[in-house]
Amino acid sequence: MSLDPGLAQYSQSDRLIWLGHQSDDALQRLYRNARLFLFPSLYEGFGLPPLEAMASGTPTIASNSSSLPEVVQDGAIQVNPLSVEDITQAILRGLTDHASVSN
């Protein structure tokens, strides 16, 4: 699997694991066992990954742009995908206040 050039610097990190393509069953297990699902996409045609994460009961953060607000509605924390501050605050909120994200 080739990495985005901006992410290549992290490919040797002991904190990141690049999983590549996963079967549907494996993906469901990943969603169910995740503490949080972050999807700061700039453009989405529909936004299936955050919908899958929410269906698995995983606290979800998604962009407030493109089709994502309509897809996630109030089931996810919505952030400006270009704002590090928004994303940081949402991660902290998602990890500490599970009641703030209705799944």
Protein backbone atom coordinates (compact mmCIF):
# COMPACT_ATOMS: atom_id res chain seq x y z
CA MET A 1 0.00 0.00 0.00
CA SER A 2 1.47 3.36 -0.96
CA LEU A 3 1.20 6.14 1.57
CA ASP A 4 0.33 9.75 0.94
CA PRO A 5 3.67 11.62 0.79
CA GLY A 6 2.61 13.77 3.74
CA LEU A 7 1.95 10.65 5.81
CA ALA A 8 5.06 8.75 4.74
CA GLN A 9 7.09 10.36 7.55
CA TYR A 10 4.90 8.50 10.04
CA SER A 11 5.09 5.10 8.34
CA GLN A 12 7.83 3.90 10.69
CA SER A 13 6.07 5.14 13.80
CA ASP A 14 5.34 2.62 16.54
CA ARG A 15 2.09 4.53 17.19
CA LEU A 16 0.49 3.98 13.77
CA ILE A 17 -0.50 0.75 12.12
CA TRP A 18 -1.36 0.82 8.41
CA LEU A 19 -4.00 -1.86 7.93
CA GLY A 20 -4.75 -1.50 4.24
CA HIS A 21 -7.95 -3.05 2.87
CA GLN A 22 -10.07 -4.90 5.45
CA SER A 23 -12.93 -7.34 4.99
CA ASP A 24 -16.39 -6.18 6.02
CA ASP A 25 -16.25 -8.35 9.17
CA ALA A 26 -12.84 -7.02 10.17
CA LEU A 27 -13.97 -3.46 9.51
CA GLN A 28 -17.01 -3.93 11.76
CA ARG A 29 -14.75 -5.25 14.55
CA LEU A 30 -12.45 -2.25 14.14
CA TYR A 31 -15.36 0.18 14.38
CA ARG A 32 -16.83 -1.58 17.44
CA ASN A 33 -13.49 -1.61 19.27
CA ALA A 34 -12.42 1.94 18.40
CA ARG A 35 -12.57 4.57 21.11
CA LEU A 36 -13.33 7.21 18.46
CA PHE A 37 -13.74 7.54 14.70
CA LEU A 38 -12.36 10.72 13.13
CA PHE A 39 -13.29 11.64 9.55
CA PRO A 40 -12.08 15.20 8.71
CA SER A 41 -12.74 14.85 4.99
CA LEU A 42 -12.79 17.89 2.73
CA TYR A 43 -15.07 16.28 0.14
CA GLU A 44 -17.36 13.26 0.27
CA GLY A 45 -19.88 11.98 -2.22
CA PHE A 46 -21.93 10.33 0.52
CA GLY A 47 -19.88 9.61 3.65
CA LEU A 48 -20.33 5.91 4.33
CA PRO A 49 -17.41 5.44 6.82
CA PRO A 50 -18.82 7.79 9.49
CA LEU A 51 -22.25 6.24 9.04
CA GLU A 52 -20.75 2.77 9.56
CA ALA A 53 -18.88 3.96 12.65
CA MET A 54 -22.03 5.49 14.13
CA ALA A 55 -23.99 2.30 13.41
CA SER A 56 -21.32 0.41 15.38
CA GLY A 57 -21.81 2.68 18.39
CA THR A 58 -18.45 4.38 18.02
CA PRO A 59 -18.23 8.08 18.96
CA THR A 60 -17.80 9.82 15.61
CA ILE A 61 -16.30 13.12 14.49
CA ALA A 62 -16.93 14.25 10.91
CA SER A 63 -16.44 17.33 8.79
CA ASN A 64 -19.10 20.01 8.73
CA SER A 65 -18.67 20.27 4.96
CA SER A 66 -19.77 18.53 1.79
CA SER A 67 -22.48 15.89 2.28
CA LEU A 68 -21.38 14.89 5.79
CA PRO A 69 -23.66 17.17 7.87
CA GLU A 70 -26.68 15.69 6.11
CA VAL A 71 -25.38 12.13 6.54
CA VAL A 72 -24.36 12.28 10.23
CA GLN A 73 -26.88 14.92 11.37
CA ASP A 74 -26.73 15.05 15.19
CA GLY A 75 -25.20 11.57 15.49
CA ALA A 76 -21.64 12.90 15.29
CA ILE A 77 -19.59 15.85 16.43
CA GLN A 78 -19.13 18.08 13.38
CA VAL A 79 -15.93 20.07 12.88
CA ASN A 80 -14.33 22.42 10.42
CA PRO A 81 -11.89 20.01 8.68
CA LEU A 82 -9.36 22.83 8.25
CA SER A 83 -9.31 23.81 11.92
CA VAL A 84 -6.80 22.02 14.12
CA GLU A 85 -8.47 23.64 17.14
CA ASP A 86 -11.94 22.32 16.19
CA ILE A 87 -10.59 18.82 15.59
CA THR A 88 -8.55 18.82 18.82
CA GLN A 89 -11.50 19.97 20.91
CA ALA A 90 -13.79 17.41 19.28
CA ILE A 91 -11.33 14.58 19.95
CA LEU A 92 -11.10 15.56 23.61
CA ARG A 93 -14.89 15.82 23.84
CA GLY A 94 -15.42 12.51 22.04
CA LEU A 95 -12.98 10.67 24.30
CA THR A 96 -14.23 12.12 27.58
CA ASP A 97 -17.95 12.74 27.12
CA HIS A 98 -19.62 9.83 25.33
CA ALA A 99 -23.01 11.38 26.05
CA SER A 100 -22.05 14.29 23.78
CA VAL A 101 -22.29 12.03 20.74
CA SER A 102 -25.62 10.32 20.30
CA ASN A 103 -25.14 6.98 18.58
